Amino acid sequence: MPPRGQTSKTLQQIEQELSNLPLADKLHLLQTLFFSLAHLWPAIEQTPGVVGGDACVMRTRIPVWALVQYRRLGWSDAQILENFPTLRQADLAQAWAYAAAYPTEIERALREQEAA
């Protein structure tokens, strides 16, 4: 891991990679950055008594930690969406941003599920 304040890639390298992305990927990245920087995830909710109060995708009882686990098992976003037809790509984008912003919470929930 690079020292604090440094990245493994230069800003110029990242800008070059961004310029080569398709428009859909750029929009996805922009949305993810916005929600992450604003600490705002309108598609994620925590309701006491629902899935133990864990963060879930709104309108569902699908916890963010479960989506993270599927991703770790090698599932693509397309596979997740195919198996959870109530989810949209925008829901996954917010779930990934939420998981990145709260890694300790997600890891705790995963450990609790493994122990159960």
PDB file of N, CA and C in Angstrom:
ATOM      1  N   MET A   1       0.854  -1.181   0.000  1.00  0.00           N
ATOM      2  CA  MET A   1       0.000   0.000   0.000  1.00  0.00           C
ATOM      3  C   MET A   1       0.895   1.237   0.000  1.00  0.00           C
ATOM      4  N   PRO A   2       0.575   2.237  -0.831  1.00  0.00           N
ATOM      5  CA  PRO A   2       1.405   3.437  -0.876  1.00  0.00           C
ATOM      6  C   PRO A   2       1.252   4.261   0.390  1.00  0.00           C
ATOM      7  N   PRO A   3       2.249   5.093   0.703  1.00  0.00           N
ATOM      8  CA  PRO A   3       2.165   5.957   1.886  1.00  0.00           C
ATOM      9  C   PRO A   3       0.942   6.871   1.806  1.00  0.00           C
ATOM     10  N   ARG A   4       0.464   7.290   2.978  1.00  0.00           N
ATOM     11  CA  ARG A   4      -0.713   8.154   3.052  1.00  0.00           C
ATOM     12  C   ARG A   4      -0.506   9.387   2.181  1.00  0.00           C
ATOM     13  N   GLY A   5      -1.545   9.720   1.402  1.00  0.00           N
ATOM     14  CA  GLY A   5      -1.473  10.886   0.535  1.00  0.00           C
ATOM     15  C   GLY A   5      -0.924  10.574  -0.847  1.00  0.00           C
ATOM     16  N   GLN A   6      -0.449   9.363  -1.042  1.00  0.00           N
ATOM     17  CA  GLN A   6       0.060   8.962  -2.343  1.00  0.00           C
ATOM     18  C   GLN A   6      -0.790   7.828  -2.878  1.00  0.00           C
ATOM     19  N   THR A   7      -0.854   7.732  -4.181  1.00  0.00           N
ATOM     20  CA  THR A   7      -1.567   6.635  -4.804  1.00  0.00           C
ATOM     21  C   THR A   7      -0.591   5.823  -5.631  1.00  0.00           C
ATOM     22  N   SER A   8      -0.978   4.601  -5.954  1.00  0.00           N
ATOM     23  CA  SER A   8      -0.109   3.766  -6.763  1.00  0.00           C
ATOM     24  C   SER A   8      -0.087   4.245  -8.211  1.00  0.00           C
ATOM     25  N   LYS A   9      -1.071   5.028  -8.605  1.00  0.00           N
ATOM     26  CA  LYS A   9      -1.117   5.614  -9.938  1.00  0.00           C
ATOM     27  C   LYS A   9      -1.101   7.124  -9.800  1.00  0.00           C
ATOM     28  N   THR A  10      -0.523   7.779 -10.782  1.00  0.00           N
ATOM     29  CA  THR A  10      -0.550   9.232 -10.757  1.00  0.00           C
ATOM     30  C   THR A  10      -1.909   9.717 -11.228  1.00  0.00           C
ATOM     31  N   LEU A  11      -2.232  10.927 -10.879  1.00  0.00           N
ATOM     32  CA  LEU A  11      -3.486  11.522 -11.311  1.00  0.00           C
ATOM     33  C   LEU A  11      -3.550  11.553 -12.841  1.00  0.00           C
ATOM     34  N   GLN A  12      -2.433  11.813 -13.460  1.00  0.00           N
ATOM     35  CA  GLN A  12      -2.390  11.838 -14.925  1.00  0.00           C
ATOM     36  C   GLN A  12      -2.743  10.458 -15.506  1.00  0.00           C
ATOM     37  N   GLN A  13      -2.246   9.386 -14.888  1.00  0.00           N
ATOM     38  CA  GLN A  13      -2.568   8.038 -15.360  1.00  0.00           C
ATOM     39  C   GLN A  13      -4.064   7.749 -15.192  1.00  0.00           C
ATOM     40  N   ILE A  14      -4.606   8.155 -14.076  1.00  0.00           N
ATOM     41  CA  ILE A  14      -6.033   7.939 -13.826  1.00  0.00           C
ATOM     42  C   ILE A  14      -6.867   8.728 -14.827  1.00  0.00           C
ATOM     43  N   GLU A  15      -6.491   9.975 -15.080  1.00  0.00           N
ATOM     44  CA  GLU A  15      -7.218  10.784 -16.054  1.00  0.00           C
ATOM     45  C   GLU A  15      -7.181  10.137 -17.440  1.00  0.00           C
ATOM     46  N   GLN A  16      -6.044   9.579 -17.808  1.00  0.00           N
ATOM     47  CA  GLN A  16      -5.924   8.912 -19.096  1.00  0.00           C
ATOM     48  C   GLN A  16      -6.859   7.703 -19.165  1.00  0.00           C
ATOM     49  N   GLU A  17      -6.873   6.900 -18.096  1.00  0.00           N
ATOM     50  CA  GLU A  17      -7.756   5.735 -18.058  1.00  0.00           C
ATOM     51  C   GLU A  17      -9.221   6.162 -18.125  1.00  0.00           C
ATOM     52  N   LEU A  18      -9.558   7.233 -17.410  1.00  0.00           N
ATOM     53  CA  LEU A  18     -10.944   7.729 -17.442  1.00  0.00           C
ATOM     54  C   LEU A  18     -11.347   8.172 -18.839  1.00  0.00           C
ATOM     55  N   SER A  19     -10.441   8.812 -19.542  1.00  0.00           N
ATOM     56  CA  SER A  19     -10.776   9.291 -20.883  1.00  0.00           C
ATOM     57  C   SER A  19     -11.060   8.132 -21.841  1.00  0.00           C
ATOM     58  N   ASN A  20     -10.537   6.954 -21.534  1.00  0.00           N
ATOM     59  CA  ASN A  20     -10.740   5.787 -22.389  1.00  0.00           C
ATOM     60  C   ASN A  20     -11.978   4.969 -22.029  1.00  0.00           C
ATOM     61  N   LEU A  21     -12.636   5.310 -20.932  1.00  0.00           N
ATOM     62  CA  LEU A  21     -13.827   4.555 -20.515  1.00  0.00           C
ATOM     63  C   LEU A  21     -15.018   4.870 -21.410  1.00  0.00           C
ATOM     64  N   PRO A  22     -15.882   3.883 -21.618  1.00  0.00           N
ATOM     65  CA  PRO A  22     -17.145   4.166 -22.323  1.00  0.00           C
ATOM     66  C   PRO A  22     -18.015   5.090 -21.475  1.00  0.00           C
ATOM     67  N   LEU A  23     -18.916   5.801 -22.118  1.00  0.00           N
ATOM     68  CA  LEU A  23     -19.772   6.774 -21.438  1.00  0.00           C
ATOM     69  C   LEU A  23     -20.536   6.151 -20.271  1.00  0.00           C
ATOM     70  N   ALA A  24     -21.079   4.963 -20.468  1.00  0.00           N
ATOM     71  CA  ALA A  24     -21.858   4.321 -19.394  1.00  0.00           C
ATOM     72  C   ALA A  24     -20.995   4.091 -18.158  1.00  0.00           C
ATOM     73  N   ASP A  25     -19.749   3.693 -18.347  1.00  0.00           N
ATOM     74  CA  ASP A  25     -18.845   3.477 -17.214  1.00  0.00           C
ATOM     75  C   ASP A  25     -18.489   4.799 -16.531  1.00  0.00           C
ATOM     76  N   LYS A  26     -18.313   5.844 -17.329  1.00  0.00           N
ATOM     77  CA  LYS A  26     -18.024   7.163 -16.754  1.00  0.00           C
ATOM     78  C   LYS A  26     -19.194   7.633 -15.882  1.00  0.00           C
ATOM     79  N   LEU A  27     -20.410   7.442 -16.379  1.00  0.00           N
ATOM     80  CA  LEU A  27     -21.597   7.847 -15.612  1.00  0.00           C
ATOM     81  C   LEU A  27     -21.713   7.040 -14.324  1.00  0.00           C
ATOM     82  N   HIS A  28     -21.436   5.748 -14.403  1.00  0.00           N
ATOM     83  CA  HIS A  28     -21.471   4.889 -13.224  1.00  0.00           C
ATOM     84  C   HIS A  28     -20.436   5.363 -12.196  1.00  0.00           C
ATOM     85  N   LEU A  29     -19.240   5.658 -12.652  1.00  0.00           N
ATOM     86  CA  LEU A  29     -18.182   6.129 -11.761  1.00  0.00           C
ATOM     87  C   LEU A  29     -18.550   7.469 -11.137  1.00  0.00           C
ATOM     88  N   LEU A  30     -19.102   8.359 -11.930  1.00  0.00           N
ATOM     89  CA  LEU A  30     -19.509   9.668 -11.419  1.00  0.00           C
ATOM     90  C   LEU A  30     -20.578   9.529 -10.342  1.00  0.00           C
ATOM     91  N   GLN A  31     -21.555   8.669 -10.583  1.00  0.00           N
ATOM     92  CA  GLN A  31     -22.612   8.436  -9.600  1.00  0.00           C
ATOM     93  C   GLN A  31     -22.029   7.868  -8.315  1.00  0.00           C
ATOM     94  N   THR A  32     -21.145   6.899  -8.438  1.00  0.00           N
ATOM     95  CA  THR A  32     -20.526   6.284  -7.269  1.00  0.00           C
ATOM     96  C   THR A  32     -19.728   7.309  -6.471  1.00  0.00           C
ATOM     97  N   LEU A  33     -18.947   8.123  -7.162  1.00  0.00           N
ATOM     98  CA  LEU A  33     -18.161   9.163  -6.479  1.00  0.00           C
ATOM     99  C   LEU A  33     -19.063  10.177  -5.780  1.00  0.00           C
ATOM    100  N   PHE A  34     -20.125  10.587  -6.447  1.00  0.00           N
ATOM    101  CA  PHE A  34     -21.036  11.553  -5.855  1.00  0.00           C
ATOM    102  C   PHE A  34     -21.627  11.027  -4.550  1.00  0.00           C
ATOM    103  N   PHE A  35     -22.194   9.822  -4.602  1.00  0.00           N
ATOM    104  CA  PHE A  35     -22.825   9.276  -3.403  1.00  0.00           C
ATOM    105  C   PHE A  35     -21.801   9.063  -2.300  1.00  0.00           C
ATOM    106  N   SER A  36     -20.624   8.626  -2.662  1.00  0.00           N
ATOM    107  CA  SER A  36     -19.589   8.377  -1.674  1.00  0.00           C
ATOM    108  C   SER A  36     -19.126   9.675  -1.012  1.00  0.00           C
ATOM    109  N   LEU A  37     -18.868  10.699  -1.811  1.00  0.00           N
ATOM    110  CA  LEU A  37     -18.401  11.975  -1.265  1.00  0.00           C
ATOM    111  C   LEU A  37     -19.478  12.680  -0.451  1.00  0.00           C
ATOM    112  N   ALA A  38     -20.718  12.537  -0.865  1.00  0.00           N
ATOM    113  CA  ALA A  38     -21.830  13.187  -0.159  1.00  0.00           C
ATOM    114  C   ALA A  38     -22.317  12.367   1.032  1.00  0.00           C
ATOM    115  N   HIS A  39     -21.805  11.134   1.162  1.00  0.00           N
ATOM    116  CA  HIS A  39     -22.297  10.204   2.188  1.00  0.00           C
ATOM    117  C   HIS A  39     -23.822  10.124   2.121  1.00  0.00           C
ATOM    118  N   LEU A  40     -24.297   9.954   0.896  1.00  0.00           N
ATOM    119  CA  LEU A  40     -25.720   9.920   0.621  1.00  0.00           C
ATOM    120  C   LEU A  40     -26.006   8.704  -0.247  1.00  0.00           C
ATOM    121  N   TRP A  41     -26.841   7.827   0.253  1.00  0.00           N
ATOM    122  CA  TRP A  41     -27.196   6.617  -0.483  1.00  0.00           C
ATOM    123  C   TRP A  41     -28.714   6.484  -0.441  1.00  0.00           C
ATOM    124  N   PRO A  42     -29.426   7.136  -1.368  1.00  0.00           N
ATOM    125  CA  PRO A  42     -30.881   7.094  -1.307  1.00  0.00           C
ATOM    126  C   PRO A  42     -31.466   5.697  -1.501  1.00  0.00           C
ATOM    127  N   ALA A  43     -30.722   4.781  -2.075  1.00  0.00           N
ATOM    128  CA  ALA A  43     -31.247   3.423  -2.287  1.00  0.00           C
ATOM    129  C   ALA A  43     -30.912   2.489  -1.129  1.00  0.00           C
ATOM    130  N   ILE A  44     -30.227   2.992  -0.100  1.00  0.00           N
ATOM    131  CA  ILE A  44     -29.833   2.155   1.040  1.00  0.00           C
ATOM    132  C   ILE A  44     -30.548   2.671   2.283  1.00  0.00           C
ATOM    133  N   GLU A  45     -31.107   1.733   3.051  1.00  0.00           N
ATOM    134  CA  GLU A  45     -31.803   2.129   4.273  1.00  0.00           C
ATOM    135  C   GLU A  45     -31.483   1.144   5.399  1.00  0.00           C
ATOM    136  N   GLN A  46     -31.566   1.643   6.602  1.00  0.00           N
ATOM    137  CA  GLN A  46     -31.417   0.805   7.796  1.00  0.00           C
ATOM    138  C   GLN A  46     -32.669   0.995   8.625  1.00  0.00           C
ATOM    139  N   THR A  47     -33.365  -0.115   8.860  1.00  0.00           N
ATOM    140  CA  THR A  47     -34.612  -0.074   9.614  1.00  0.00           C
ATOM    141  C   THR A  47     -34.495  -1.020  10.795  1.00  0.00           C
ATOM    142  N   PRO A  48     -34.632  -0.500  12.025  1.00  0.00           N
ATOM    143  CA  PRO A  48     -34.572  -1.387  13.187  1.00  0.00           C
ATOM    144  C   PRO A  48     -35.585  -2.524  13.045  1.00  0.00           C
ATOM    145  N   GLY A  49     -35.141  -3.728  13.332  1.00  0.00           N
ATOM    146  CA  GLY A  49     -36.017  -4.883  13.270  1.00  0.00           C
ATOM    147  C   GLY A  49     -36.110  -5.533  11.899  1.00  0.00           C
ATOM    148  N   VAL A  50     -35.528  -4.915  10.884  1.00  0.00           N
ATOM    149  CA  VAL A  50     -35.524  -5.492   9.541  1.00  0.00           C
ATOM    150  C   VAL A  50     -34.099  -5.944   9.249  1.00  0.00           C
ATOM    151  N   VAL A  51     -33.915  -7.238   9.059  1.00  0.00           N
ATOM    152  CA  VAL A  51     -32.605  -7.848   8.815  1.00  0.00           C
ATOM    153  C   VAL A  51     -31.607  -7.375   9.875  1.00  0.00           C
ATOM    154  N   GLY A  52     -32.064  -7.376  11.106  1.00  0.00           N
ATOM    155  CA  GLY A  52     -31.194  -7.003  12.222  1.00  0.00           C
ATOM    156  C   GLY A  52     -30.735  -5.559  12.210  1.00  0.00           C
ATOM    157  N   GLY A  53     -31.413  -4.710  11.452  1.00  0.00           N
ATOM    158  CA  GLY A  53     -31.027  -3.310  11.373  1.00  0.00           C
ATOM    159  C   GLY A  53     -29.875  -3.057  10.418  1.00  0.00           C
ATOM    160  N   ASP A  54     -29.443  -4.093   9.677  1.00  0.00           N
ATOM    161  CA  ASP A  54     -28.352  -3.939   8.722  1.00  0.00           C
ATOM    162  C   ASP A  54     -28.802  -3.093   7.538  1.00  0.00           C
ATOM    163  N   ALA A  55     -27.832  -2.466   6.888  1.00  0.00           N
ATOM    164  CA  ALA A  55     -28.109  -1.670   5.702  1.00  0.00           C
ATOM    165  C   ALA A  55     -28.618  -2.578   4.588  1.00  0.00           C
ATOM    166  N   CYS A  56     -29.773  -2.218   4.029  1.00  0.00           N
ATOM    167  CA  CYS A  56     -30.402  -2.998   2.959  1.00  0.00           C
ATOM    168  C   CYS A  56     -30.719  -2.089   1.782  1.00  0.00           C
ATOM    169  N   VAL A  57     -30.886  -2.708   0.630  1.00  0.00           N
ATOM    170  CA  VAL A  57     -31.359  -1.975  -0.530  1.00  0.00           C
ATOM    171  C   VAL A  57     -32.824  -1.624  -0.275  1.00  0.00           C
ATOM    172  N   MET A  58     -33.154  -0.362  -0.490  1.00  0.00           N
ATOM    173  CA  MET A  58     -34.513   0.118  -0.248  1.00  0.00           C
ATOM    174  C   MET A  58     -35.515  -0.706  -1.058  1.00  0.00           C
ATOM    175  N   ARG A  59     -36.675  -0.903  -0.496  1.00  0.00           N
ATOM    176  CA  ARG A  59     -37.772  -1.683  -1.082  1.00  0.00           C
ATOM    177  C   ARG A  59     -37.522  -3.178  -1.026  1.00  0.00           C
ATOM    178  N   THR A  60     -36.437  -3.603  -0.399  1.00  0.00           N
ATOM    179  CA  THR A  60     -36.111  -5.033  -0.331  1.00  0.00           C
ATOM    180  C   THR A  60     -35.625  -5.356   1.077  1.00  0.00           C
ATOM    181  N   ARG A  61     -35.386  -6.607   1.294  1.00  0.00           N
ATOM    182  CA  ARG A  61     -34.736  -7.046   2.525  1.00  0.00           C
ATOM    183  C   ARG A  61     -33.370  -7.630   2.164  1.00  0.00           C
ATOM    184  N   ILE A  62     -32.768  -7.100   1.117  1.00  0.00           N
ATOM    185  CA  ILE A  62     -31.469  -7.584   0.651  1.00  0.00           C
ATOM    186  C   ILE A  62     -30.387  -6.734   1.299  1.00  0.00           C
ATOM    187  N   PRO A  63     -29.625  -7.323   2.237  1.00  0.00           N
ATOM    188  CA  PRO A  63     -28.595  -6.545   2.922  1.00  0.00           C
ATOM    189  C   PRO A  63     -27.374  -6.299   2.023  1.00  0.00           C
ATOM    190  N   VAL A  64     -26.753  -5.163   2.250  1.00  0.00           N
ATOM    191  CA  VAL A  64     -25.553  -4.811   1.495  1.00  0.00           C
ATOM    192  C   VAL A  64     -24.469  -5.859   1.708  1.00  0.00           C
ATOM    193  N   TRP A  65     -24.339  -6.369   2.946  1.00  0.00           N
ATOM    194  CA  TRP A  65     -23.289  -7.359   3.200  1.00  0.00           C
ATOM    195  C   TRP A  65     -23.486  -8.617   2.348  1.00  0.00           C
ATOM    196  N   ALA A  66     -24.731  -8.985   2.065  1.00  0.00           N
ATOM    197  CA  ALA A  66     -24.987 -10.170   1.237  1.00  0.00           C
ATOM    198  C   ALA A  66     -24.532  -9.927  -0.198  1.00  0.00           C
ATOM    199  N   LEU A  67     -24.784  -8.730  -0.703  1.00  0.00           N
ATOM    200  CA  LEU A  67     -24.335  -8.402  -2.054  1.00  0.00           C
ATOM    201  C   LEU A  67     -22.809  -8.410  -2.132  1.00  0.00           C
ATOM    202  N   VAL A  68     -22.175  -7.890  -1.087  1.00  0.00           N
ATOM    203  CA  VAL A  68     -20.708  -7.910  -1.030  1.00  0.00           C
ATOM    204  C   VAL A  68     -20.205  -9.354  -1.036  1.00  0.00           C
ATOM    205  N   GLN A  69     -20.880 -10.212  -0.300  1.00  0.00           N
ATOM    206  CA  GLN A  69     -20.474 -11.626  -0.253  1.00  0.00           C
ATOM    207  C   GLN A  69     -20.605 -12.285  -1.626  1.00  0.00           C
ATOM    208  N   TYR A  70     -21.697 -12.010  -2.325  1.00  0.00           N
ATOM    209  CA  TYR A  70     -21.855 -12.565  -3.675  1.00  0.00           C
ATOM    210  C   TYR A  70     -20.738 -12.073  -4.596  1.00  0.00           C
ATOM    211  N   ARG A  71     -20.407 -10.803  -4.472  1.00  0.00           N
ATOM    212  CA  ARG A  71     -19.328 -10.260  -5.301  1.00  0.00           C
ATOM    213  C   ARG A  71     -18.011 -10.963  -4.980  1.00  0.00           C
ATOM    214  N   ARG A  72     -17.753 -11.201  -3.714  1.00  0.00           N
ATOM    215  CA  ARG A  72     -16.520 -11.896  -3.310  1.00  0.00           C
ATOM    216  C   ARG A  72     -16.492 -13.335  -3.821  1.00  0.00           C
ATOM    217  N   LEU A  73     -17.674 -13.910  -3.999  1.00  0.00           N
ATOM    218  CA  LEU A  73     -17.755 -15.266  -4.537  1.00  0.00           C
ATOM    219  C   LEU A  73     -17.568 -15.295  -6.057  1.00  0.00           C
ATOM    220  N   GLY A  74     -17.407 -14.112  -6.640  1.00  0.00           N
ATOM    221  CA  GLY A  74     -17.133 -14.040  -8.064  1.00  0.00           C
ATOM    222  C   GLY A  74     -18.313 -13.672  -8.939  1.00  0.00           C
ATOM    223  N   TRP A  75     -19.447 -13.374  -8.317  1.00  0.00           N
ATOM    224  CA  TRP A  75     -20.619 -13.002  -9.108  1.00  0.00           C
ATOM    225  C   TRP A  75     -20.397 -11.614  -9.717  1.00  0.00           C
ATOM    226  N   SER A  76     -20.755 -11.463 -10.972  1.00  0.00           N
ATOM    227  CA  SER A  76     -20.724 -10.154 -11.629  1.00  0.00           C
ATOM    228  C   SER A  76     -22.001  -9.397 -11.255  1.00  0.00           C
ATOM    229  N   ASP A  77     -22.007  -8.104 -11.556  1.00  0.00           N
ATOM    230  CA  ASP A  77     -23.229  -7.332 -11.334  1.00  0.00           C
ATOM    231  C   ASP A  77     -24.382  -7.938 -12.127  1.00  0.00           C
ATOM    232  N   ALA A  78     -24.097  -8.368 -13.355  1.00  0.00           N
ATOM    233  CA  ALA A  78     -25.148  -8.963 -14.194  1.00  0.00           C
ATOM    234  C   ALA A  78     -25.725 -10.215 -13.542  1.00  0.00           C
ATOM    235  N   GLN A  79     -24.879 -11.048 -12.941  1.00  0.00           N
ATOM    236  CA  GLN A  79     -25.371 -12.258 -12.273  1.00  0.00           C
ATOM    237  C   GLN A  79     -26.207 -11.911 -11.050  1.00  0.00           C
ATOM    238  N   ILE A  80     -25.781 -10.905 -10.305  1.00  0.00           N
ATOM    239  CA  ILE A  80     -26.542 -10.481  -9.128  1.00  0.00           C
ATOM    240  C   ILE A  80     -27.913  -9.969  -9.568  1.00  0.00           C
ATOM    241  N   LEU A  81     -27.935  -9.127 -10.597  1.00  0.00           N
ATOM    242  CA  LEU A  81     -29.201  -8.580 -11.082  1.00  0.00           C
ATOM    243  C   LEU A  81     -30.116  -9.678 -11.633  1.00  0.00           C
ATOM    244  N   GLU A  82     -29.531 -10.676 -12.249  1.00  0.00           N
ATOM    245  CA  GLU A  82     -30.329 -11.786 -12.772  1.00  0.00           C
ATOM    246  C   GLU A  82     -30.971 -12.590 -11.641  1.00  0.00           C
ATOM    247  N   ASN A  83     -30.250 -12.760 -10.546  1.00  0.00           N
ATOM    248  CA  ASN A  83     -30.746 -13.550  -9.426  1.00  0.00           C
ATOM    249  C   ASN A  83     -31.609 -12.752  -8.452  1.00  0.00           C
ATOM    250  N   PHE A  84     -31.540 -11.437  -8.530  1.00  0.00           N
ATOM    251  CA  PHE A  84     -32.358 -10.557  -7.691  1.00  0.00           C
ATOM    252  C   PHE A  84     -33.083  -9.570  -8.609  1.00  0.00           C
ATOM    253  N   PRO A  85     -34.162 -10.010  -9.258  1.00  0.00           N
ATOM    254  CA  PRO A  85     -34.821  -9.173 -10.268  1.00  0.00           C
ATOM    255  C   PRO A  85     -35.411  -7.869  -9.743  1.00  0.00           C
ATOM    256  N   THR A  86     -35.546  -7.728  -8.427  1.00  0.00           N
ATOM    257  CA  THR A  86     -36.062  -6.465  -7.891  1.00  0.00           C
ATOM    258  C   THR A  86     -34.983  -5.389  -7.843  1.00  0.00           C
ATOM    259  N   LEU A  87     -33.717  -5.786  -8.005  1.00  0.00           N
ATOM    260  CA  LEU A  87     -32.616  -4.821  -7.956  1.00  0.00           C
ATOM    261  C   LEU A  87     -32.388  -4.187  -9.317  1.00  0.00           C
ATOM    262  N   ARG A  88     -31.868  -2.961  -9.270  1.00  0.00           N
ATOM    263  CA  ARG A  88     -31.458  -2.241 -10.481  1.00  0.00           C
ATOM    264  C   ARG A  88     -29.962  -1.972 -10.389  1.00  0.00           C
ATOM    265  N   GLN A  89     -29.357  -1.647 -11.519  1.00  0.00           N
ATOM    266  CA  GLN A  89     -27.932  -1.339 -11.524  1.00  0.00           C
ATOM    267  C   GLN A  89     -27.627  -0.174 -10.579  1.00  0.00           C
ATOM    268  N   ALA A  90     -28.515   0.808 -10.526  1.00  0.00           N
ATOM    269  CA  ALA A  90     -28.311   1.949  -9.630  1.00  0.00           C
ATOM    270  C   ALA A  90     -28.289   1.503  -8.170  1.00  0.00           C
ATOM    271  N   ASP A  91     -29.089   0.492  -7.814  1.00  0.00           N
ATOM    272  CA  ASP A  91     -29.075  -0.042  -6.448  1.00  0.00           C
ATOM    273  C   ASP A  91     -27.702  -0.628  -6.133  1.00  0.00           C
ATOM    274  N   LEU A  92     -27.158  -1.387  -7.075  1.00  0.00           N
ATOM    275  CA  LEU A  92     -25.840  -1.987  -6.856  1.00  0.00           C
ATOM    276  C   LEU A  92     -24.764  -0.923  -6.738  1.00  0.00           C
ATOM    277  N   ALA A  93     -24.834   0.109  -7.566  1.00  0.00           N
ATOM    278  CA  ALA A  93     -23.841   1.182  -7.502  1.00  0.00           C
ATOM    279  C   ALA A  93     -23.828   1.799  -6.104  1.00  0.00           C
ATOM    280  N   GLN A  94     -25.015   2.013  -5.548  1.00  0.00           N
ATOM    281  CA  GLN A  94     -25.083   2.603  -4.217  1.00  0.00           C
ATOM    282  C   GLN A  94     -24.656   1.606  -3.139  1.00  0.00           C
ATOM    283  N   ALA A  95     -24.972   0.337  -3.338  1.00  0.00           N
ATOM    284  CA  ALA A  95     -24.535  -0.683  -2.381  1.00  0.00           C
ATOM    285  C   ALA A  95     -23.011  -0.759  -2.354  1.00  0.00           C
ATOM    286  N   TRP A  96     -22.369  -0.721  -3.524  1.00  0.00           N
ATOM    287  CA  TRP A  96     -20.899  -0.779  -3.566  1.00  0.00           C
ATOM    288  C   TRP A  96     -20.294   0.468  -2.938  1.00  0.00           C
ATOM    289  N   ALA A  97     -20.881   1.636  -3.189  1.00  0.00           N
ATOM    290  CA  ALA A  97     -20.368   2.866  -2.589  1.00  0.00           C
ATOM    291  C   ALA A  97     -20.545   2.836  -1.072  1.00  0.00           C
ATOM    292  N   TYR A  98     -21.687   2.338  -0.616  1.00  0.00           N
ATOM    293  CA  TYR A  98     -21.938   2.229   0.821  1.00  0.00           C
ATOM    294  C   TYR A  98     -20.925   1.283   1.463  1.00  0.00           C
ATOM    295  N   ALA A  99     -20.717   0.135   0.832  1.00  0.00           N
ATOM    296  CA  ALA A  99     -19.772  -0.853   1.370  1.00  0.00           C
ATOM    297  C   ALA A  99     -18.364  -0.286   1.425  1.00  0.00           C
ATOM    298  N   ALA A 100     -17.984   0.505   0.431  1.00  0.00           N
ATOM    299  CA  ALA A 100     -16.652   1.112   0.424  1.00  0.00           C
ATOM    300  C   ALA A 100     -16.524   2.165   1.520  1.00  0.00           C
ATOM    301  N   ALA A 101     -17.613   2.868   1.812  1.00  0.00           N
ATOM    302  CA  ALA A 101     -17.591   3.918   2.840  1.00  0.00           C
ATOM    303  C   ALA A 101     -17.632   3.351   4.255  1.00  0.00           C
ATOM    304  N   TYR A 102     -18.222   2.157   4.423  1.00  0.00           N
ATOM    305  CA  TYR A 102     -18.388   1.564   5.744  1.00  0.00           C
ATOM    306  C   TYR A 102     -17.843   0.130   5.786  1.00  0.00           C
ATOM    307  N   PRO A 103     -16.568  -0.056   5.475  1.00  0.00           N
ATOM    308  CA  PRO A 103     -16.028  -1.420   5.422  1.00  0.00           C
ATOM    309  C   PRO A 103     -16.077  -2.143   6.767  1.00  0.00           C
ATOM    310  N   THR A 104     -15.897  -1.431   7.858  1.00  0.00           N
ATOM    311  CA  THR A 104     -15.931  -2.064   9.176  1.00  0.00           C
ATOM    312  C   THR A 104     -17.318  -2.629   9.462  1.00  0.00           C
ATOM    313  N   GLU A 105     -18.352  -1.879   9.142  1.00  0.00           N
ATOM    314  CA  GLU A 105     -19.732  -2.333   9.350  1.00  0.00           C
ATOM    315  C   GLU A 105     -20.016  -3.582   8.510  1.00  0.00           C
ATOM    316  N   ILE A 106     -19.579  -3.571   7.266  1.00  0.00           N
ATOM    317  CA  ILE A 106     -19.825  -4.704   6.373  1.00  0.00           C
ATOM    318  C   ILE A 106     -19.062  -5.937   6.849  1.00  0.00           C
ATOM    319  N   GLU A 107     -17.811  -5.769   7.230  1.00  0.00           N
ATOM    320  CA  GLU A 107     -17.009  -6.903   7.716  1.00  0.00           C
ATOM    321  C   GLU A 107     -17.598  -7.489   8.999  1.00  0.00           C
ATOM    322  N   ARG A 108     -18.101  -6.623   9.885  1.00  0.00           N
ATOM    323  CA  ARG A 108     -18.734  -7.092  11.121  1.00  0.00           C
ATOM    324  C   ARG A 108     -19.954  -7.944  10.793  1.00  0.00           C
ATOM    325  N   ALA A 109     -20.776  -7.451   9.882  1.00  0.00           N
ATOM    326  CA  ALA A 109     -21.981  -8.181   9.501  1.00  0.00           C
ATOM    327  C   ALA A 109     -21.633  -9.519   8.851  1.00  0.00           C
ATOM    328  N   LEU A 110     -20.607  -9.538   8.033  1.00  0.00           N
ATOM    329  CA  LEU A 110     -20.181 -10.797   7.397  1.00  0.00           C
ATOM    330  C   LEU A 110     -19.691 -11.798   8.448  1.00  0.00           C
ATOM    331  N   ARG A 111     -18.919 -11.310   9.421  1.00  0.00           N
ATOM    332  CA  ARG A 111     -18.435 -12.195  10.499  1.00  0.00           C
ATOM    333  C   ARG A 111     -19.603 -12.741  11.296  1.00  0.00           C
ATOM    334  N   GLU A 112     -20.581 -11.894  11.602  1.00  0.00           N
ATOM    335  CA  GLU A 112     -21.758 -12.340  12.354  1.00  0.00           C
ATOM    336  C   GLU A 112     -22.525 -13.418  11.585  1.00  0.00           C
ATOM    337  N   GLN A 113     -22.631 -13.258  10.286  1.00  0.00           N
ATOM    338  CA  GLN A 113     -23.340 -14.248   9.472  1.00  0.00           C
ATOM    339  C   GLN A 113     -22.588 -15.566   9.426  1.00  0.00           C
ATOM    340  N   GLU A 114     -21.268 -15.503   9.337  1.00  0.00           N
ATOM    341  CA  GLU A 114     -20.458 -16.720   9.337  1.00  0.00           C
ATOM    342  C   GLU A 114     -20.587 -17.460  10.663  1.00  0.00           C
ATOM    343  N   ALA A 115     -20.699 -16.709  11.762  1.00  0.00           N
ATOM    344  CA  ALA A 115     -20.778 -17.315  13.095  1.00  0.00           C
ATOM    345  C   ALA A 115     -22.174 -17.894  13.365  1.00  0.00           C
ATOM    346  N   ALA A 116     -23.172 -17.397  12.643  1.00  0.00           N
ATOM    347  CA  ALA A 116     -24.557 -17.838  12.891  1.00  0.00           C
ATOM    348  C   ALA A 116     -24.814 -19.240  12.375  1.00  0.00           C
TER     349      ALA A 116
END
